PDB file of N, CA and C in Angstrom:
ATOM      1  N   UNK A   1    -148.557 -10.028 102.345  1.00  0.00           N
ATOM      2  CA  UNK A   1    -148.595 -11.368 101.684  1.00  0.00           C
ATOM      3  C   UNK A   1    -149.808 -11.474 100.812  1.00  0.00           C
ATOM      4  N   UNK A   2    -149.593 -11.632  99.507  1.00  0.00           N
ATOM      5  CA  UNK A   2    -150.762 -11.798  98.624  1.00  0.00           C
ATOM      6  C   UNK A   2    -151.148 -13.210  98.528  1.00  0.00           C
ATOM      7  N   UNK A   3    -152.438 -13.453  98.364  1.00  0.00           N
ATOM      8  CA  UNK A   3    -152.887 -14.836  98.233  1.00  0.00           C
ATOM      9  C   UNK A   3    -153.808 -15.010  97.082  1.00  0.00           C
ATOM     10  N   UNK A   4    -154.575 -14.025  96.732  1.00  0.00           N
ATOM     11  CA  UNK A   4    -155.572 -14.122  95.643  1.00  0.00           C
ATOM     12  C   UNK A   4    -155.130 -13.386  94.348  1.00  0.00           C
ATOM     13  N   UNK A   5    -155.067 -14.042  93.231  1.00  0.00           N
ATOM     14  CA  UNK A   5    -154.664 -13.497  91.979  1.00  0.00           C
ATOM     15  C   UNK A   5    -153.344 -12.695  92.076  1.00  0.00           C
ATOM     16  N   UNK A   6    -152.253 -13.321  92.355  1.00  0.00           N
ATOM     17  CA  UNK A   6    -150.958 -12.616  92.462  1.00  0.00           C
ATOM     18  C   UNK A   6    -150.513 -12.153  91.107  1.00  0.00           C
ATOM     19  N   UNK A   7    -149.761 -11.060  91.025  1.00  0.00           N
ATOM     20  CA  UNK A   7    -149.165 -10.543  89.796  1.00  0.00           C
ATOM     21  C   UNK A   7    -147.928 -11.387  89.630  1.00  0.00           C
ATOM     22  N   UNK A   8    -147.735 -11.973  88.386  1.00  0.00           N
ATOM     23  CA  UNK A   8    -146.572 -12.822  88.098  1.00  0.00           C
ATOM     24  C   UNK A   8    -145.605 -12.139  87.118  1.00  0.00           C
ATOM     25  N   UNK A   9    -146.075 -11.074  86.463  1.00  0.00           N
ATOM     26  CA  UNK A   9    -145.190 -10.362  85.554  1.00  0.00           C
ATOM     27  C   UNK A   9    -145.577  -8.886  85.537  1.00  0.00           C
ATOM     28  N   UNK A  10    -144.619  -7.982  85.547  1.00  0.00           N
ATOM     29  CA  UNK A  10    -144.842  -6.601  85.391  1.00  0.00           C
ATOM     30  C   UNK A  10    -143.908  -6.072  84.314  1.00  0.00           C
ATOM     31  N   UNK A  11    -144.478  -5.261  83.354  1.00  0.00           N
ATOM     32  CA  UNK A  11    -143.610  -4.686  82.302  1.00  0.00           C
ATOM     33  C   UNK A  11    -142.559  -3.769  82.865  1.00  0.00           C
ATOM     34  N   UNK A  12    -142.728  -3.289  84.075  1.00  0.00           N
ATOM     35  CA  UNK A  12    -141.815  -2.371  84.689  1.00  0.00           C
ATOM     36  C   UNK A  12    -140.642  -3.148  85.256  1.00  0.00           C
ATOM     37  N   UNK A  13    -140.896  -4.213  86.058  1.00  0.00           N
ATOM     38  CA  UNK A  13    -139.849  -4.949  86.675  1.00  0.00           C
ATOM     39  C   UNK A  13    -139.637  -6.379  86.294  1.00  0.00           C
ATOM     40  N   UNK A  14    -140.400  -6.907  85.353  1.00  0.00           N
ATOM     41  CA  UNK A  14    -140.169  -8.273  84.881  1.00  0.00           C
ATOM     42  C   UNK A  14    -140.924  -9.272  85.735  1.00  0.00           C
ATOM     43  N   UNK A  15    -140.405 -10.443  85.893  1.00  0.00           N
ATOM     44  CA  UNK A  15    -141.055 -11.572  86.642  1.00  0.00           C
ATOM     45  C   UNK A  15    -141.231 -11.165  88.118  1.00  0.00           C
ATOM     46  N   UNK A  16    -142.358 -11.517  88.692  1.00  0.00           N
ATOM     47  CA  UNK A  16    -142.684 -11.246  90.071  1.00  0.00           C
ATOM     48  C   UNK A  16    -142.888 -12.534  90.818  1.00  0.00           C
ATOM     49  N   UNK A  17    -142.549 -12.525  92.045  1.00  0.00           N
ATOM     50  CA  UNK A  17    -142.792 -13.740  92.875  1.00  0.00           C
ATOM     51  C   UNK A  17    -144.237 -13.820  93.227  1.00  0.00           C
ATOM     52  N   UNK A  18    -144.882 -14.959  92.980  1.00  0.00           N
ATOM     53  CA  UNK A  18    -146.321 -15.010  93.328  1.00  0.00           C
ATOM     54  C   UNK A  18    -146.627 -15.117  94.838  1.00  0.00           C
ATOM     55  N   UNK A  19    -145.626 -15.437  95.602  1.00  0.00           N
ATOM     56  CA  UNK A  19    -145.853 -15.471  97.096  1.00  0.00           C
ATOM     57  C   UNK A  19    -145.717 -14.133  97.755  1.00  0.00           C
ATOM     58  N   UNK A  20    -144.656 -13.424  97.487  1.00  0.00           N
ATOM     59  CA  UNK A  20    -144.462 -12.152  98.238  1.00  0.00           C
ATOM     60  C   UNK A  20    -144.851 -10.874  97.391  1.00  0.00           C
ATOM     61  N   UNK A  21    -145.030 -11.099  96.059  1.00  0.00           N
ATOM     62  CA  UNK A  21    -145.414 -10.061  95.141  1.00  0.00           C
ATOM     63  C   UNK A  21    -144.293  -9.056  94.836  1.00  0.00           C
ATOM     64  N   UNK A  22    -143.046  -9.353  95.113  1.00  0.00           N
ATOM     65  CA  UNK A  22    -141.918  -8.475  94.722  1.00  0.00           C
ATOM     66  C   UNK A  22    -141.256  -9.064  93.483  1.00  0.00           C
ATOM     67  N   UNK A  23    -140.438  -8.198  92.847  1.00  0.00           N
ATOM     68  CA  UNK A  23    -139.651  -8.731  91.702  1.00  0.00           C
ATOM     69  C   UNK A  23    -138.732  -9.850  92.127  1.00  0.00           C
ATOM     70  N   UNK A  24    -138.503 -10.829  91.288  1.00  0.00           N
ATOM     71  CA  UNK A  24    -137.751 -12.067  91.659  1.00  0.00           C
ATOM     72  C   UNK A  24    -136.348 -11.656  92.205  1.00  0.00           C
ATOM     73  N   UNK A  25    -135.722 -10.594  91.718  1.00  0.00           N
ATOM     74  CA  UNK A  25    -134.428 -10.199  92.217  1.00  0.00           C
ATOM     75  C   UNK A  25    -134.507  -9.681  93.675  1.00  0.00           C
ATOM     76  N   UNK A  26    -135.661  -9.247  94.099  1.00  0.00           N
ATOM     77  CA  UNK A  26    -135.844  -8.769  95.483  1.00  0.00           C
ATOM     78  C   UNK A  26    -136.696  -9.654  96.357  1.00  0.00           C
ATOM     79  N   UNK A  27    -136.971 -10.846  95.850  1.00  0.00           N
ATOM     80  CA  UNK A  27    -137.835 -11.761  96.530  1.00  0.00           C
ATOM     81  C   UNK A  27    -137.299 -12.109  97.942  1.00  0.00           C
ATOM     82  N   UNK A  28    -138.164 -12.099  98.977  1.00  0.00           N
ATOM     83  CA  UNK A  28    -137.752 -12.442 100.308  1.00  0.00           C
ATOM     84  C   UNK A  28    -138.053 -13.889 100.691  1.00  0.00           C
ATOM     85  N   UNK A  29    -138.772 -14.599  99.793  1.00  0.00           N
ATOM     86  CA  UNK A  29    -139.171 -15.992 100.122  1.00  0.00           C
ATOM     87  C   UNK A  29    -138.431 -16.937  99.125  1.00  0.00           C
ATOM     88  N   UNK A  30    -137.274 -16.571  98.644  1.00  0.00           N
ATOM     89  CA  UNK A  30    -136.528 -17.380  97.742  1.00  0.00           C
ATOM     90  C   UNK A  30    -136.195 -18.808  98.382  1.00  0.00           C
ATOM     91  N   UNK A  31    -135.973 -19.741  97.492  1.00  0.00           N
ATOM     92  CA  UNK A  31    -135.502 -21.036  98.000  1.00  0.00           C
ATOM     93  C   UNK A  31    -134.074 -20.899  98.418  1.00  0.00           C
ATOM     94  N   UNK A  32    -133.682 -21.582  99.502  1.00  0.00           N
ATOM     95  CA  UNK A  32    -132.273 -21.540  99.938  1.00  0.00           C
ATOM     96  C   UNK A  32    -131.421 -22.191  98.809  1.00  0.00           C
ATOM     97  N   UNK A  33    -130.147 -21.857  98.856  1.00  0.00           N
ATOM     98  CA  UNK A  33    -129.210 -22.460  97.891  1.00  0.00           C
ATOM     99  C   UNK A  33    -129.149 -23.950  98.113  1.00  0.00           C
ATOM    100  N   UNK A  34    -128.506 -24.625  97.180  1.00  0.00           N
ATOM    101  CA  UNK A  34    -128.457 -26.064  97.289  1.00  0.00           C
ATOM    102  C   UNK A  34    -127.752 -26.416  98.599  1.00  0.00           C
ATOM    103  N   UNK A  35    -128.138 -27.453  99.236  1.00  0.00           N
ATOM    104  CA  UNK A  35    -127.455 -27.861 100.487  1.00  0.00           C
ATOM    105  C   UNK A  35    -126.003 -28.296 100.179  1.00  0.00           C
ATOM    106  N   UNK A  36    -125.139 -28.003 101.084  1.00  0.00           N
ATOM    107  CA  UNK A  36    -123.779 -28.345 101.053  1.00  0.00           C
ATOM    108  C   UNK A  36    -123.592 -29.832 101.260  1.00  0.00           C
ATOM    109  N   UNK A  37    -122.947 -30.511 100.396  1.00  0.00           N
ATOM    110  CA  UNK A  37    -122.730 -31.991 100.547  1.00  0.00           C
ATOM    111  C   UNK A  37    -121.546 -32.357 101.365  1.00  0.00           C
ATOM    112  N   UNK A  38    -121.164 -33.569 101.310  1.00  0.00           N
ATOM    113  CA  UNK A  38    -120.074 -34.112 102.129  1.00  0.00           C
ATOM    114  C   UNK A  38    -118.838 -34.241 101.293  1.00  0.00           C
ATOM    115  N   UNK A  39    -118.809 -33.645 100.057  1.00  0.00           N
ATOM    116  CA  UNK A  39    -117.609 -33.610  99.227  1.00  0.00           C
ATOM    117  C   UNK A  39    -117.495 -34.883  98.323  1.00  0.00           C
ATOM    118  N   UNK A  40    -118.401 -35.737  98.317  1.00  0.00           N
ATOM    119  CA  UNK A  40    -118.399 -36.939  97.632  1.00  0.00           C
ATOM    120  C   UNK A  40    -119.393 -36.865  96.446  1.00  0.00           C
ATOM    121  N   UNK A  41    -118.914 -36.965  95.236  1.00  0.00           N
ATOM    122  CA  UNK A  41    -119.809 -37.016  94.023  1.00  0.00           C
ATOM    123  C   UNK A  41    -120.387 -38.367  93.852  1.00  0.00           C
ATOM    124  N   UNK A  42    -121.697 -38.497  93.729  1.00  0.00           N
ATOM    125  CA  UNK A  42    -122.362 -39.810  93.588  1.00  0.00           C
ATOM    126  C   UNK A  42    -122.933 -39.949  92.164  1.00  0.00           C
ATOM    127  N   UNK A  43    -122.652 -41.058  91.602  1.00  0.00           N
ATOM    128  CA  UNK A  43    -123.146 -41.352  90.261  1.00  0.00           C
ATOM    129  C   UNK A  43    -124.059 -42.541  90.310  1.00  0.00           C
ATOM    130  N   UNK A  44    -125.316 -42.357  89.830  1.00  0.00           N
ATOM    131  CA  UNK A  44    -126.240 -43.482  89.963  1.00  0.00           C
ATOM    132  C   UNK A  44    -127.171 -43.540  88.756  1.00  0.00           C
ATOM    133  N   UNK A  45    -127.695 -44.734  88.484  1.00  0.00           N
ATOM    134  CA  UNK A  45    -128.643 -44.958  87.393  1.00  0.00           C
ATOM    135  C   UNK A  45    -130.043 -44.964  87.956  1.00  0.00           C
ATOM    136  N   UNK A  46    -130.939 -44.326  87.147  1.00  0.00           N
ATOM    137  CA  UNK A  46    -132.305 -44.315  87.609  1.00  0.00           C
ATOM    138  C   UNK A  46    -133.231 -44.374  86.397  1.00  0.00           C
ATOM    139  N   UNK A  47    -134.370 -45.091  86.598  1.00  0.00           N
ATOM    140  CA  UNK A  47    -135.385 -45.216  85.503  1.00  0.00           C
ATOM    141  C   UNK A  47    -136.783 -44.971  86.074  1.00  0.00           C
ATOM    142  N   UNK A  48    -136.937 -44.903  87.343  1.00  0.00           N
ATOM    143  CA  UNK A  48    -138.283 -44.670  87.942  1.00  0.00           C
ATOM    144  C   UNK A  48    -138.864 -43.342  87.535  1.00  0.00           C
ATOM    145  N   UNK A  49    -140.125 -43.388  87.195  1.00  0.00           N
ATOM    146  CA  UNK A  49    -140.853 -42.171  86.853  1.00  0.00           C
ATOM    147  C   UNK A  49    -140.450 -41.493  85.505  1.00  0.00           C
ATOM    148  N   UNK A  50    -139.782 -42.369  84.670  1.00  0.00           N
ATOM    149  CA  UNK A  50    -139.243 -41.778  83.425  1.00  0.00           C
ATOM    150  C   UNK A  50    -139.734 -42.708  82.276  1.00  0.00           C
ATOM    151  N   UNK A  51    -140.827 -43.421  82.445  1.00  0.00           N
ATOM    152  CA  UNK A  51    -141.402 -44.268  81.431  1.00  0.00           C
ATOM    153  C   UNK A  51    -140.398 -45.259  80.924  1.00  0.00           C
ATOM    154  N   UNK A  52    -139.607 -45.812  81.827  1.00  0.00           N
ATOM    155  CA  UNK A  52    -138.643 -46.918  81.508  1.00  0.00           C
ATOM    156  C   UNK A  52    -137.316 -46.407  80.903  1.00  0.00           C
ATOM    157  N   UNK A  53    -137.181 -45.098  80.647  1.00  0.00           N
ATOM    158  CA  UNK A  53    -135.930 -44.537  80.113  1.00  0.00           C
ATOM    159  C   UNK A  53    -134.917 -44.502  81.242  1.00  0.00           C
ATOM    160  N   UNK A  54    -133.665 -44.871  80.914  1.00  0.00           N
ATOM    161  CA  UNK A  54    -132.599 -44.843  81.881  1.00  0.00           C
ATOM    162  C   UNK A  54    -131.887 -43.543  81.865  1.00  0.00           C
ATOM    163  N   UNK A  55    -131.563 -43.006  83.016  1.00  0.00           N
ATOM    164  CA  UNK A  55    -130.910 -41.703  83.174  1.00  0.00           C
ATOM    165  C   UNK A  55    -129.786 -41.922  84.249  1.00  0.00           C
ATOM    166  N   UNK A  56    -128.607 -41.339  83.990  1.00  0.00           N
ATOM    167  CA  UNK A  56    -127.535 -41.394  84.909  1.00  0.00           C
ATOM    168  C   UNK A  56    -127.549 -40.059  85.732  1.00  0.00           C
ATOM    169  N   UNK A  57    -127.615 -40.118  87.036  1.00  0.00           N
ATOM    170  CA  UNK A  57    -127.629 -38.928  87.842  1.00  0.00           C
ATOM    171  C   UNK A  57    -126.309 -38.708  88.517  1.00  0.00           C
ATOM    172  N   UNK A  58    -125.831 -37.489  88.552  1.00  0.00           N
ATOM    173  CA  UNK A  58    -124.575 -37.140  89.191  1.00  0.00           C
ATOM    174  C   UNK A  58    -124.915 -36.084  90.253  1.00  0.00           C
ATOM    175  N   UNK A  59    -124.774 -36.462  91.481  1.00  0.00           N
ATOM    176  CA  UNK A  59    -125.160 -35.521  92.629  1.00  0.00           C
ATOM    177  C   UNK A  59    -123.948 -35.235  93.478  1.00  0.00           C
ATOM    178  N   UNK A  60    -124.029 -34.130  94.188  1.00  0.00           N
ATOM    179  CA  UNK A  60    -122.968 -33.801  95.135  1.00  0.00           C
ATOM    180  C   UNK A  60    -121.811 -33.073  94.569  1.00  0.00           C
ATOM    181  N   UNK A  61    -121.941 -32.535  93.394  1.00  0.00           N
ATOM    182  CA  UNK A  61    -120.866 -31.665  92.747  1.00  0.00           C
ATOM    183  C   UNK A  61    -120.954 -30.344  93.376  1.00  0.00           C
ATOM    184  N   UNK A  62    -119.843 -29.899  94.093  1.00  0.00           N
ATOM    185  CA  UNK A  62    -119.855 -28.622  94.793  1.00  0.00           C
ATOM    186  C   UNK A  62    -119.211 -27.554  93.879  1.00  0.00           C
ATOM    187  N   UNK A  63    -119.985 -27.090  92.867  1.00  0.00           N
ATOM    188  CA  UNK A  63    -119.540 -26.072  91.876  1.00  0.00           C
ATOM    189  C   UNK A  63    -120.661 -25.065  91.817  1.00  0.00           C
ATOM    190  N   UNK A  64    -120.347 -23.857  91.282  1.00  0.00           N
ATOM    191  CA  UNK A  64    -121.363 -22.828  90.977  1.00  0.00           C
ATOM    192  C   UNK A  64    -122.169 -23.251  89.802  1.00  0.00           C
ATOM    193  N   UNK A  65    -123.237 -22.421  89.541  1.00  0.00           N
ATOM    194  CA  UNK A  65    -124.125 -22.785  88.376  1.00  0.00           C
ATOM    195  C   UNK A  65    -123.443 -22.688  87.064  1.00  0.00           C
ATOM    196  N   UNK A  66    -122.592 -21.717  86.815  1.00  0.00           N
ATOM    197  CA  UNK A  66    -121.865 -21.670  85.530  1.00  0.00           C
ATOM    198  C   UNK A  66    -120.930 -22.865  85.350  1.00  0.00           C
ATOM    199  N   UNK A  67    -120.169 -23.255  86.350  1.00  0.00           N
ATOM    200  CA  UNK A  67    -119.287 -24.348  86.362  1.00  0.00           C
ATOM    201  C   UNK A  67    -120.004 -25.651  86.135  1.00  0.00           C
ATOM    202  N   UNK A  68    -121.236 -25.707  86.788  1.00  0.00           N
ATOM    203  CA  UNK A  68    -122.054 -26.993  86.602  1.00  0.00           C
ATOM    204  C   UNK A  68    -122.535 -27.073  85.153  1.00  0.00           C
ATOM    205  N   UNK A  69    -122.968 -25.963  84.574  1.00  0.00           N
ATOM    206  CA  UNK A  69    -123.396 -25.995  83.190  1.00  0.00           C
ATOM    207  C   UNK A  69    -122.206 -26.429  82.235  1.00  0.00           C
ATOM    208  N   UNK A  70    -121.079 -25.922  82.452  1.00  0.00           N
ATOM    209  CA  UNK A  70    -119.835 -26.250  81.685  1.00  0.00           C
ATOM    210  C   UNK A  70    -119.555 -27.728  81.874  1.00  0.00           C
ATOM    211  N   UNK A  71    -119.550 -28.183  83.103  1.00  0.00           N
ATOM    212  CA  UNK A  71    -119.258 -29.644  83.365  1.00  0.00           C
ATOM    213  C   UNK A  71    -120.381 -30.472  82.695  1.00  0.00           C
ATOM    214  N   UNK A  72    -121.613 -30.089  82.803  1.00  0.00           N
ATOM    215  CA  UNK A  72    -122.663 -30.900  82.155  1.00  0.00           C
ATOM    216  C   UNK A  72    -122.440 -30.914  80.606  1.00  0.00           C
ATOM    217  N   UNK A  73    -122.093 -29.859  80.031  1.00  0.00           N
ATOM    218  CA  UNK A  73    -121.860 -29.841  78.559  1.00  0.00           C
ATOM    219  C   UNK A  73    -120.649 -30.747  78.183  1.00  0.00           C
ATOM    220  N   UNK A  74    -119.640 -30.783  78.973  1.00  0.00           N
ATOM    221  CA  UNK A  74    -118.472 -31.607  78.726  1.00  0.00           C
ATOM    222  C   UNK A  74    -118.916 -33.115  78.857  1.00  0.00           C
ATOM    223  N   UNK A  75    -119.618 -33.409  79.888  1.00  0.00           N
ATOM    224  CA  UNK A  75    -120.010 -34.771  80.124  1.00  0.00           C
ATOM    225  C   UNK A  75    -120.985 -35.253  79.074  1.00  0.00           C
ATOM    226  N   UNK A  76    -121.877 -34.435  78.678  1.00  0.00           N
ATOM    227  CA  UNK A  76    -122.810 -34.840  77.586  1.00  0.00           C
ATOM    228  C   UNK A  76    -122.051 -35.093  76.309  1.00  0.00           C
ATOM    229  N   UNK A  77    -121.074 -34.253  76.012  1.00  0.00           N
ATOM    230  CA  UNK A  77    -120.275 -34.433  74.752  1.00  0.00           C
ATOM    231  C   UNK A  77    -119.488 -35.704  74.876  1.00  0.00           C
ATOM    232  N   UNK A  78    -118.919 -36.039  76.084  1.00  0.00           N
ATOM    233  CA  UNK A  78    -118.150 -37.242  76.257  1.00  0.00           C
ATOM    234  C   UNK A  78    -119.025 -38.472  76.039  1.00  0.00           C
ATOM    235  N   UNK A  79    -120.243 -38.466  76.551  1.00  0.00           N
ATOM    236  CA  UNK A  79    -121.115 -39.611  76.462  1.00  0.00           C
ATOM    237  C   UNK A  79    -121.893 -39.682  75.122  1.00  0.00           C
ATOM    238  N   UNK A  80    -121.968 -38.567  74.407  1.00  0.00           N
ATOM    239  CA  UNK A  80    -122.683 -38.488  73.154  1.00  0.00           C
ATOM    240  C   UNK A  80    -124.145 -38.587  73.364  1.00  0.00           C
ATOM    241  N   UNK A  81    -124.636 -37.967  74.416  1.00  0.00           N
ATOM    242  CA  UNK A  81    -126.116 -38.018  74.702  1.00  0.00           C
ATOM    243  C   UNK A  81    -126.557 -36.704  75.272  1.00  0.00           C
ATOM    244  N   UNK A  82    -127.841 -36.576  75.449  1.00  0.00           N
ATOM    245  CA  UNK A  82    -128.407 -35.394  75.992  1.00  0.00           C
ATOM    246  C   UNK A  82    -128.471 -35.399  77.526  1.00  0.00           C
ATOM    247  N   UNK A  83    -128.938 -34.280  78.124  1.00  0.00           N
ATOM    248  CA  UNK A  83    -128.975 -34.291  79.551  1.00  0.00           C
ATOM    249  C   UNK A  83    -129.484 -32.935  80.022  1.00  0.00           C
ATOM    250  N   UNK A  84    -129.660 -32.782  81.342  1.00  0.00           N
ATOM    251  CA  UNK A  84    -130.224 -31.480  81.920  1.00  0.00           C
ATOM    252  C   UNK A  84    -129.584 -31.367  83.286  1.00  0.00           C
ATOM    253  N   UNK A  85    -129.752 -30.106  83.718  1.00  0.00           N
ATOM    254  CA  UNK A  85    -129.341 -29.726  85.098  1.00  0.00           C
ATOM    255  C   UNK A  85    -130.579 -29.324  85.823  1.00  0.00           C
ATOM    256  N   UNK A  86    -130.936 -30.106  86.946  1.00  0.00           N
ATOM    257  CA  UNK A  86    -132.148 -29.794  87.702  1.00  0.00           C
ATOM    258  C   UNK A  86    -131.780 -29.786  89.198  1.00  0.00           C
ATOM    259  N   UNK A  87    -131.902 -28.639  89.768  1.00  0.00           N
ATOM    260  CA  UNK A  87    -131.680 -28.413  91.224  1.00  0.00           C
ATOM    261  C   UNK A  87    -130.300 -28.929  91.623  1.00  0.00           C
ATOM    262  N   UNK A  88    -129.272 -28.671  90.778  1.00  0.00           N
ATOM    263  CA  UNK A  88    -127.935 -29.033  91.148  1.00  0.00           C
ATOM    264  C   UNK A  88    -127.577 -30.462  90.882  1.00  0.00           C
ATOM    265  N   UNK A  89    -128.467 -31.223  90.289  1.00  0.00           N
ATOM    266  CA  UNK A  89    -128.332 -32.621  89.923  1.00  0.00           C
ATOM    267  C   UNK A  89    -128.087 -32.669  88.390  1.00  0.00           C
ATOM    268  N   UNK A  90    -126.963 -33.252  87.955  1.00  0.00           N
ATOM    269  CA  UNK A  90    -126.697 -33.454  86.514  1.00  0.00           C
ATOM    270  C   UNK A  90    -127.411 -34.702  86.062  1.00  0.00           C
ATOM    271  N   UNK A  91    -128.221 -34.637  85.036  1.00  0.00           N
ATOM    272  CA  UNK A  91    -128.874 -35.807  84.492  1.00  0.00           C
ATOM    273  C   UNK A  91    -128.368 -36.051  83.074  1.00  0.00           C
ATOM    274  N   UNK A  92    -127.859 -37.266  82.843  1.00  0.00           N
ATOM    275  CA  UNK A  92    -127.315 -37.647  81.557  1.00  0.00           C
ATOM    276  C   UNK A  92    -128.221 -38.798  81.016  1.00  0.00           C
ATOM    277  N   UNK A  93    -128.735 -38.672  79.781  1.00  0.00           N
ATOM    278  CA  UNK A  93    -129.569 -39.729  79.255  1.00  0.00           C
ATOM    279  C   UNK A  93    -128.771 -40.965  78.952  1.00  0.00           C
ATOM    280  N   UNK A  94    -129.308 -42.063  79.428  1.00  0.00           N
ATOM    281  CA  UNK A  94    -128.663 -43.385  79.240  1.00  0.00           C
ATOM    282  C   UNK A  94    -127.813 -43.820  80.458  1.00  0.00           C
ATOM    283  N   UNK A  95    -127.333 -45.023  80.400  1.00  0.00           N
ATOM    284  CA  UNK A  95    -126.502 -45.624  81.438  1.00  0.00           C
ATOM    285  C   UNK A  95    -124.982 -45.369  81.099  1.00  0.00           C
ATOM    286  N   UNK A  96    -124.423 -44.314  81.690  1.00  0.00           N
ATOM    287  CA  UNK A  96    -123.027 -44.012  81.427  1.00  0.00           C
ATOM    288  C   UNK A  96    -122.213 -43.869  82.734  1.00  0.00           C
ATOM    289  N   UNK A  97    -122.548 -44.762  83.696  1.00  0.00           N
ATOM    290  CA  UNK A  97    -121.888 -44.606  85.059  1.00  0.00           C
ATOM    291  C   UNK A  97    -120.448 -44.826  84.950  1.00  0.00           C
ATOM    292  N   UNK A  98    -119.940 -45.854  84.306  1.00  0.00           N
ATOM    293  CA  UNK A  98    -118.483 -46.138  84.327  1.00  0.00           C
ATOM    294  C   UNK A  98    -117.719 -44.977  83.579  1.00  0.00           C
ATOM    295  N   UNK A  99    -118.225 -44.475  82.477  1.00  0.00           N
ATOM    296  CA  UNK A  99    -117.601 -43.398  81.832  1.00  0.00           C
ATOM    297  C   UNK A  99    -117.499 -42.131  82.669  1.00  0.00           C
ATOM    298  N   UNK A 100    -118.661 -41.836  83.311  1.00  0.00           N
ATOM    299  CA  UNK A 100    -118.697 -40.630  84.136  1.00  0.00           C
ATOM    300  C   UNK A 100    -117.840 -40.759  85.364  1.00  0.00           C
ATOM    301  N   UNK A 101    -117.784 -41.924  86.000  1.00  0.00           N
ATOM    302  CA  UNK A 101    -116.917 -42.083  87.172  1.00  0.00           C
ATOM    303  C   UNK A 101    -115.451 -41.825  86.817  1.00  0.00           C
ATOM    304  N   UNK A 102    -114.999 -42.403  85.675  1.00  0.00           N
ATOM    305  CA  UNK A 102    -113.620 -42.283  85.289  1.00  0.00           C
ATOM    306  C   UNK A 102    -113.291 -40.754  84.957  1.00  0.00           C
ATOM    307  N   UNK A 103    -114.237 -40.129  84.257  1.00  0.00           N
ATOM    308  CA  UNK A 103    -113.954 -38.714  83.852  1.00  0.00           C
ATOM    309  C   UNK A 103    -113.934 -37.778  85.124  1.00  0.00           C
ATOM    310  N   UNK A 104    -114.835 -38.036  86.070  1.00  0.00           N
ATOM    311  CA  UNK A 104    -114.923 -37.186  87.261  1.00  0.00           C
ATOM    312  C   UNK A 104    -113.639 -37.442  88.145  1.00  0.00           C
ATOM    313  N   UNK A 105    -113.148 -38.652  88.143  1.00  0.00           N
ATOM    314  CA  UNK A 105    -111.936 -38.978  88.910  1.00  0.00           C
ATOM    315  C   UNK A 105    -110.727 -38.229  88.239  1.00  0.00           C
ATOM    316  N   UNK A 106    -110.725 -38.167  86.932  1.00  0.00           N
ATOM    317  CA  UNK A 106    -109.631 -37.448  86.266  1.00  0.00           C
ATOM    318  C   UNK A 106    -109.710 -35.950  86.575  1.00  0.00           C
ATOM    319  N   UNK A 107    -110.902 -35.443  86.768  1.00  0.00           N
ATOM    320  CA  UNK A 107    -111.014 -33.988  87.070  1.00  0.00           C
ATOM    321  C   UNK A 107    -110.798 -33.694  88.493  1.00  0.00           C
ATOM    322  N   UNK A 108    -110.481 -34.737  89.328  1.00  0.00           N
ATOM    323  CA  UNK A 108    -110.119 -34.471  90.704  1.00  0.00           C
ATOM    324  C   UNK A 108    -111.212 -34.629  91.722  1.00  0.00           C
ATOM    325  N   UNK A 109    -112.374 -35.122  91.286  1.00  0.00           N
ATOM    326  CA  UNK A 109    -113.473 -35.284  92.310  1.00  0.00           C
ATOM    327  C   UNK A 109    -113.353 -36.657  93.009  1.00  0.00           C
ATOM    328  N   UNK A 110    -113.843 -36.700  94.270  1.00  0.00           N
ATOM    329  CA  UNK A 110    -113.988 -37.933  94.987  1.00  0.00           C
ATOM    330  C   UNK A 110    -115.285 -38.593  94.592  1.00  0.00           C
ATOM    331  N   UNK A 111    -115.339 -39.723  93.902  1.00  0.00           N
ATOM    332  CA  UNK A 111    -116.486 -40.208  93.275  1.00  0.00           C
ATOM    333  C   UNK A 111    -116.853 -41.602  93.835  1.00  0.00           C
ATOM    334  N   UNK A 112    -118.179 -41.778  94.023  1.00  0.00           N
ATOM    335  CA  UNK A 112    -118.736 -43.077  94.429  1.00  0.00           C
ATOM    336  C   UNK A 112    -119.774 -43.496  93.413  1.00  0.00           C
ATOM    337  N   UNK A 113    -119.745 -44.745  93.111  1.00  0.00           N
ATOM    338  CA  UNK A 113    -120.768 -45.276  92.150  1.00  0.00           C
ATOM    339  C   UNK A 113    -121.887 -45.856  93.008  1.00  0.00           C
ATOM    340  N   UNK A 114    -123.097 -45.327  92.937  1.00  0.00           N
ATOM    341  CA  UNK A 114    -124.219 -45.716  93.813  1.00  0.00           C
ATOM    342  C   UNK A 114    -125.186 -46.540  92.973  1.00  0.00           C
ATOM    343  N   UNK A 115    -125.694 -47.633  93.558  1.00  0.00           N
ATOM    344  CA  UNK A 115    -126.753 -48.384  92.902  1.00  0.00           C
ATOM    345  C   UNK A 115    -126.340 -49.284  91.899  1.00  0.00           C
TER     346      UNK A 115
END
């Protein structure tokens, strides 16, 4: 276990884990995968910690990373706004709860509007 001045990049193997000192592909201290939800997709509005900007959060979507990116792209296009994927949570800029709830229901998800 390295603690002082860890190597974070090697030209031989690429990015290195600062905790265990191994290449990221072989890291033994990786974060666990996203927790498994209860099968309910939750759509909520949030503005805390965002300098007053409103963001719609979509949590609990049980899809792989590629499918999440595709879903995010489709939802951003539908709402006509930007967004991001952070730790399995879809963030869409602006308040688009009603639009997102309807679209997710059409796609077969069990959806709850929170907050």
